[in-house]
Amino acid sequence: MVRPCYFAREAASPSLSLIVMTVADLLSVSEEEVLQTGSRGRGNRNPGRMAAIYIARKIAGYPLNEIALYFGFGHYASVSGIVTRCQRAIEIDITRANTINDIAGLIKAKT
């Protein structure tokens, strides 16, 4: 199971834009792609977006409503669903877990 480094939600917390930028850099995609909403439905996966949302919630400690606003969701419950799905994926996919840990380490080094 992944045991990422957790940030205290205070002034030293990374900004959401830093999280998106770091995810985009590590996954070699554009920041716009990470922020892209795409079409509706659970079948539409954007791994970079999912990673950024997961990190914003579980590692940086942002509240669901703030993440929802930043990523363009209509309701914070959508964010909660993504975080849960990403957590499940991390538990069964060591590569994804390592990627999340790598991103978290890079973000921590930048703050």
Protein backbone atom coordinates (compact mmCIF):
# COMPACT_ATOMS: atom_id res chain seq x y z
CA MET A 1 0.00 0.00 0.00
CA VAL A 2 1.19 3.51 -0.79
CA ARG A 3 2.27 5.67 2.11
CA PRO A 4 2.86 9.06 0.47
CA CYS A 5 4.29 12.02 2.29
CA TYR A 6 1.45 14.20 3.54
CA PHE A 7 1.53 17.97 3.59
CA ALA A 8 -0.05 19.93 6.40
CA ARG A 9 -2.80 22.18 5.00
CA GLU A 10 -1.23 25.52 5.80
CA ALA A 11 0.62 28.31 4.05
CA ALA A 12 3.37 25.86 3.05
CA SER A 13 0.92 23.65 1.15
CA PRO A 14 1.60 23.46 -2.57
CA SER A 15 -0.73 25.44 -4.79
CA LEU A 16 -3.13 23.60 -7.06
CA SER A 17 -1.33 25.11 -10.04
CA LEU A 18 1.99 23.66 -8.78
CA ILE A 19 0.35 20.24 -8.43
CA VAL A 20 -1.03 20.42 -11.98
CA MET A 21 2.29 21.66 -13.38
CA THR A 22 4.26 18.88 -11.66
CA VAL A 23 1.83 16.17 -12.78
CA ALA A 24 1.97 17.48 -16.35
CA ASP A 25 5.80 17.57 -16.32
CA LEU A 26 6.21 14.07 -14.90
CA LEU A 27 3.60 12.51 -17.20
CA SER A 28 4.82 14.48 -20.25
CA VAL A 29 1.43 16.02 -20.98
CA SER A 30 0.28 19.63 -21.11
CA GLU A 31 -1.23 21.39 -18.13
CA GLU A 32 -4.32 21.96 -20.26
CA GLU A 33 -4.67 18.20 -20.69
CA VAL A 34 -4.53 17.68 -16.93
CA LEU A 35 -7.22 20.33 -16.48
CA GLN A 36 -9.33 19.14 -19.42
CA THR A 37 -12.81 18.12 -18.35
CA GLY A 38 -13.57 15.86 -21.30
CA SER A 39 -16.93 14.23 -21.71
CA ARG A 40 -19.08 13.11 -18.82
CA GLY A 41 -19.15 9.65 -17.33
CA ARG A 42 -16.87 7.38 -15.39
CA GLY A 43 -15.56 5.58 -18.47
CA ASN A 44 -13.64 8.65 -19.55
CA ARG A 45 -10.29 8.43 -17.82
CA ASN A 46 -7.61 11.06 -17.75
CA PRO A 47 -4.78 9.61 -15.62
CA GLY A 48 -3.04 12.96 -15.17
CA ARG A 49 -6.22 14.65 -14.04
CA MET A 50 -7.01 11.81 -11.65
CA ALA A 51 -3.49 11.95 -10.20
CA ALA A 52 -3.62 15.72 -9.71
CA ILE A 53 -7.01 15.52 -8.00
CA TYR A 54 -5.87 12.65 -5.76
CA ILE A 55 -2.70 14.51 -4.76
CA ALA A 56 -4.62 17.73 -4.13
CA ARG A 57 -6.98 15.94 -1.76
CA LYS A 58 -5.02 13.16 -0.08
CA ILE A 59 -1.54 14.60 -0.01
CA ALA A 60 -1.97 18.39 -0.05
CA GLY A 61 -5.19 18.34 1.98
CA TYR A 62 -7.34 20.63 -0.14
CA PRO A 63 -11.08 20.55 0.61
CA LEU A 64 -13.32 18.85 -1.95
CA ASN A 65 -15.16 22.05 -2.86
CA GLU A 66 -11.93 23.93 -3.61
CA ILE A 67 -10.69 21.10 -5.86
CA ALA A 68 -14.08 20.93 -7.58
CA LEU A 69 -13.98 24.65 -8.34
CA TYR A 70 -10.40 24.56 -9.64
CA PHE A 71 -10.96 21.53 -11.89
CA GLY A 72 -14.36 22.67 -13.16
CA PHE A 73 -16.71 20.20 -11.48
CA GLY A 74 -20.30 21.10 -10.80
CA HIS A 75 -20.31 19.44 -7.39
CA TYR A 76 -17.70 18.38 -4.87
CA ALA A 77 -19.07 14.81 -4.74
CA SER A 78 -17.55 14.23 -8.19
CA VAL A 79 -14.13 14.91 -6.70
CA SER A 80 -14.79 12.44 -3.90
CA GLY A 81 -15.62 9.74 -6.45
CA ILE A 82 -12.42 10.36 -8.39
CA VAL A 83 -10.32 10.26 -5.22
CA THR A 84 -11.92 6.94 -4.23
CA ARG A 85 -11.38 5.41 -7.69
CA CYS A 86 -7.79 6.60 -7.76
CA GLN A 87 -7.16 5.16 -4.28
CA ARG A 88 -8.49 1.77 -5.43
CA ALA A 89 -6.30 1.90 -8.54
CA ILE A 90 -3.24 2.72 -6.43
CA GLU A 91 -3.91 -0.24 -4.15
CA ILE A 92 -3.78 -2.70 -7.06
CA ASP A 93 -1.28 -1.01 -9.39
CA ILE A 94 2.24 -0.54 -7.98
CA THR A 95 3.29 1.50 -11.02
CA ARG A 96 0.55 4.04 -10.37
CA ALA A 97 1.43 4.09 -6.68
CA ASN A 98 5.07 4.78 -7.50
CA THR A 99 4.08 7.54 -9.92
CA ILE A 100 1.95 9.24 -7.25
CA ASN A 101 4.83 8.98 -4.78
CA ASP A 102 7.26 10.41 -7.35
CA ILE A 103 4.95 13.36 -8.02
CA ALA A 104 4.47 13.96 -4.30
CA GLY A 105 8.24 13.94 -3.77
CA LEU A 106 8.78 16.46 -6.57
CA ILE A 107 6.07 18.72 -5.18
CA LYS A 108 7.57 18.54 -1.71
CA ALA A 109 10.98 19.47 -3.11
CA LYS A 110 9.45 22.54 -4.80
CA THR A 111 7.71 23.84 -1.67
